[in-house]
Amino acid sequence: MRRLREPRPEEVPAALDRRQILGAVAGWIAVGLSGAGCPGGGPESPLKPGQIAVPLEDLRPGVRTVVVVAGNPVELVRSGDAVTARMLRCTHLGCVVRWRQAEHAYVCPCHEGRYDEAGNVLAGPPPLPLRSVPVLVAGGRAVVG
């Protein structure tokens, strides 16, 4: 009879942490949102990898809309024909921040880091402001990423 041996630590795959799992799921969602295989999002599209296109008609002026770009939550805000985009990952440990309208601040649920409406650090451990994401508005849509 053959005996099974215990695997050595270097043979055991590292466990996935919550962020890796959520990042993978968000990546799959991003592929779906990018329209891969759909009209306007396939190989004929000028989109580069890691970019998504959102029709301007889907972005109501002044309303915060969250999309997934390259596996990251990104908030879009339209003002007229201009669109700004901000990554919603805390610059401390990468947790996803949330906008709290009553406080007029983005708040990180992990360590209570706070950012103002422009993404600048107000309090807590974040070392840098929230990162801006490039946006190009053309052809009735916002190309993000």
Protein backbone atom coordinates (compact mmCIF):
# COMPACT_ATOMS: atom_id res chain seq x y z
CA MET A 1 0.00 0.00 0.00
CA ARG A 2 1.32 3.44 -0.95
CA ARG A 3 1.49 6.10 1.75
CA LEU A 4 0.51 9.65 0.97
CA ARG A 5 2.92 12.30 2.17
CA GLU A 6 2.05 15.74 3.48
CA PRO A 7 2.71 18.42 0.84
CA ARG A 8 5.60 20.78 1.50
CA PRO A 9 4.58 24.42 2.08
CA GLU A 10 5.98 25.50 -1.30
CA GLU A 11 3.72 22.92 -3.00
CA VAL A 12 0.53 24.28 -1.47
CA PRO A 13 -1.03 27.11 -3.48
CA ALA A 14 -1.43 30.35 -1.58
CA ALA A 15 -4.95 31.00 -0.38
CA LEU A 16 -6.82 33.72 -2.20
CA ASP A 17 -7.77 36.64 -0.03
CA ARG A 18 -11.07 38.49 -0.23
CA ARG A 19 -9.62 41.28 -2.42
CA GLN A 20 -8.22 38.83 -4.97
CA ILE A 21 -11.55 37.02 -5.24
CA LEU A 22 -13.51 40.29 -5.53
CA GLY A 23 -10.98 41.60 -8.05
CA ALA A 24 -11.43 38.51 -10.22
CA VAL A 25 -15.23 38.77 -10.06
CA ALA A 26 -15.04 42.50 -10.86
CA GLY A 27 -12.79 41.69 -13.81
CA TRP A 28 -15.39 39.29 -15.20
CA ILE A 29 -18.04 41.96 -14.75
CA ALA A 30 -15.81 44.50 -16.49
CA VAL A 31 -15.56 42.23 -19.52
CA GLY A 32 -19.35 42.09 -19.62
CA LEU A 33 -19.72 45.85 -19.18
CA SER A 34 -17.12 46.55 -21.84
CA GLY A 35 -19.42 44.99 -24.39
CA ALA A 36 -16.95 42.36 -25.60
CA GLY A 37 -18.73 40.43 -28.31
CA CYS A 38 -21.53 43.03 -28.49
CA PRO A 39 -22.11 45.81 -30.99
CA GLY A 40 -19.83 48.72 -30.19
CA GLY A 41 -17.57 46.71 -27.90
CA GLY A 42 -15.99 43.94 -29.96
CA PRO A 43 -12.78 43.81 -31.97
CA GLU A 44 -14.10 46.48 -34.35
CA SER A 45 -14.30 48.93 -31.43
CA PRO A 46 -11.47 51.41 -30.83
CA LEU A 47 -11.52 50.52 -27.11
CA LYS A 48 -8.19 49.51 -25.66
CA PRO A 49 -7.90 46.71 -23.09
CA GLY A 50 -9.02 47.98 -19.69
CA GLN A 51 -11.37 50.60 -21.15
CA ILE A 52 -15.14 50.68 -21.18
CA ALA A 53 -17.58 52.91 -23.05
CA VAL A 54 -20.70 54.29 -21.40
CA PRO A 55 -23.37 56.06 -23.47
CA LEU A 56 -23.78 59.65 -22.28
CA GLU A 57 -27.53 59.13 -22.18
CA ASP A 58 -26.94 56.57 -19.39
CA LEU A 59 -25.18 59.20 -17.25
CA ARG A 60 -27.62 61.67 -15.72
CA PRO A 61 -26.02 65.05 -14.92
CA GLY A 62 -24.89 65.32 -11.30
CA VAL A 63 -25.69 61.68 -10.49
CA ARG A 64 -22.88 59.41 -9.26
CA THR A 65 -22.70 56.26 -11.39
CA VAL A 66 -20.36 53.40 -10.50
CA VAL A 67 -18.88 51.15 -13.20
CA VAL A 68 -16.08 48.57 -13.14
CA VAL A 69 -12.95 49.41 -15.14
CA ALA A 70 -10.09 46.89 -15.28
CA GLY A 71 -11.42 45.22 -12.14
CA ASN A 72 -11.78 48.45 -10.15
CA PRO A 73 -14.89 50.38 -9.11
CA VAL A 74 -14.90 53.79 -10.78
CA GLU A 75 -17.38 56.58 -10.15
CA LEU A 76 -18.54 58.68 -13.09
CA VAL A 77 -20.16 62.09 -12.72
CA ARG A 78 -21.51 63.97 -15.70
CA SER A 79 -21.69 67.76 -15.86
CA GLY A 80 -23.09 68.89 -19.20
CA ASP A 81 -21.06 67.06 -21.84
CA ALA A 82 -18.06 66.62 -19.53
CA VAL A 83 -17.54 63.47 -17.45
CA THR A 84 -15.14 63.01 -14.55
CA ALA A 85 -14.06 59.62 -13.23
CA ARG A 86 -12.56 58.68 -9.89
CA MET A 87 -11.33 55.29 -8.69
CA LEU A 88 -13.15 54.26 -5.53
CA ARG A 89 -10.26 52.37 -3.93
CA CYS A 90 -8.82 53.82 -0.73
CA THR A 91 -5.18 54.76 -1.16
CA HIS A 92 -4.39 53.21 2.23
CA LEU A 93 -5.17 49.51 1.71
CA GLY A 94 -7.36 49.46 -1.41
CA CYS A 95 -10.75 48.96 0.24
CA VAL A 96 -13.72 50.31 -1.72
CA VAL A 97 -14.84 53.71 -0.42
CA ARG A 98 -18.47 54.80 -0.45
CA TRP A 99 -20.00 58.21 -0.87
CA ARG A 100 -22.02 59.38 2.13
CA GLN A 101 -24.25 62.19 1.00
CA ALA A 102 -25.15 63.29 4.55
CA GLU A 103 -21.45 63.83 5.33
CA HIS A 104 -20.43 65.02 1.86
CA ALA A 105 -17.51 62.60 2.03
CA TYR A 106 -16.20 59.32 0.71
CA VAL A 107 -15.64 56.96 3.63
CA CYS A 108 -13.48 53.84 3.73
CA PRO A 109 -15.13 51.02 5.69
CA CYS A 110 -11.79 49.43 6.63
CA HIS A 111 -10.11 52.16 8.68
CA GLU A 112 -12.52 55.13 8.42
CA GLY A 113 -10.35 57.08 5.98
CA ARG A 114 -12.28 60.07 4.64
CA TYR A 115 -12.06 62.01 1.40
CA ASP A 116 -13.85 65.18 0.33
CA GLU A 117 -16.02 65.51 -2.78
CA ALA A 118 -12.92 66.15 -4.93
CA GLY A 119 -11.22 63.02 -3.56
CA ASN A 120 -8.76 64.84 -1.28
CA VAL A 121 -7.88 63.26 2.07
CA LEU A 122 -9.85 64.69 5.00
CA ALA A 123 -8.90 62.28 7.79
CA GLY A 124 -7.57 58.86 8.65
CA PRO A 125 -4.69 56.82 7.31
CA PRO A 126 -4.96 57.37 3.51
CA PRO A 127 -1.63 58.77 2.27
CA LEU A 128 -2.93 60.13 -1.07
CA PRO A 129 -6.13 61.46 -2.63
CA LEU A 130 -8.44 59.17 -4.58
CA ARG A 131 -7.03 58.55 -8.04
CA SER A 132 -8.58 60.19 -11.11
CA VAL A 133 -9.28 57.99 -14.12
CA PRO A 134 -8.94 59.33 -17.67
CA VAL A 135 -12.17 59.91 -19.61
CA LEU A 136 -12.63 60.80 -23.27
CA VAL A 137 -16.08 61.96 -24.37
CA ALA A 138 -16.67 61.33 -28.07
CA GLY A 139 -19.42 60.01 -30.29
CA GLY A 140 -22.08 60.28 -27.63
CA ARG A 141 -20.23 58.12 -25.13
CA ALA A 142 -17.67 58.35 -22.36
CA VAL A 143 -14.62 56.12 -22.85
CA VAL A 144 -13.22 55.41 -19.41
CA GLY A 145 -9.80 53.95 -18.52
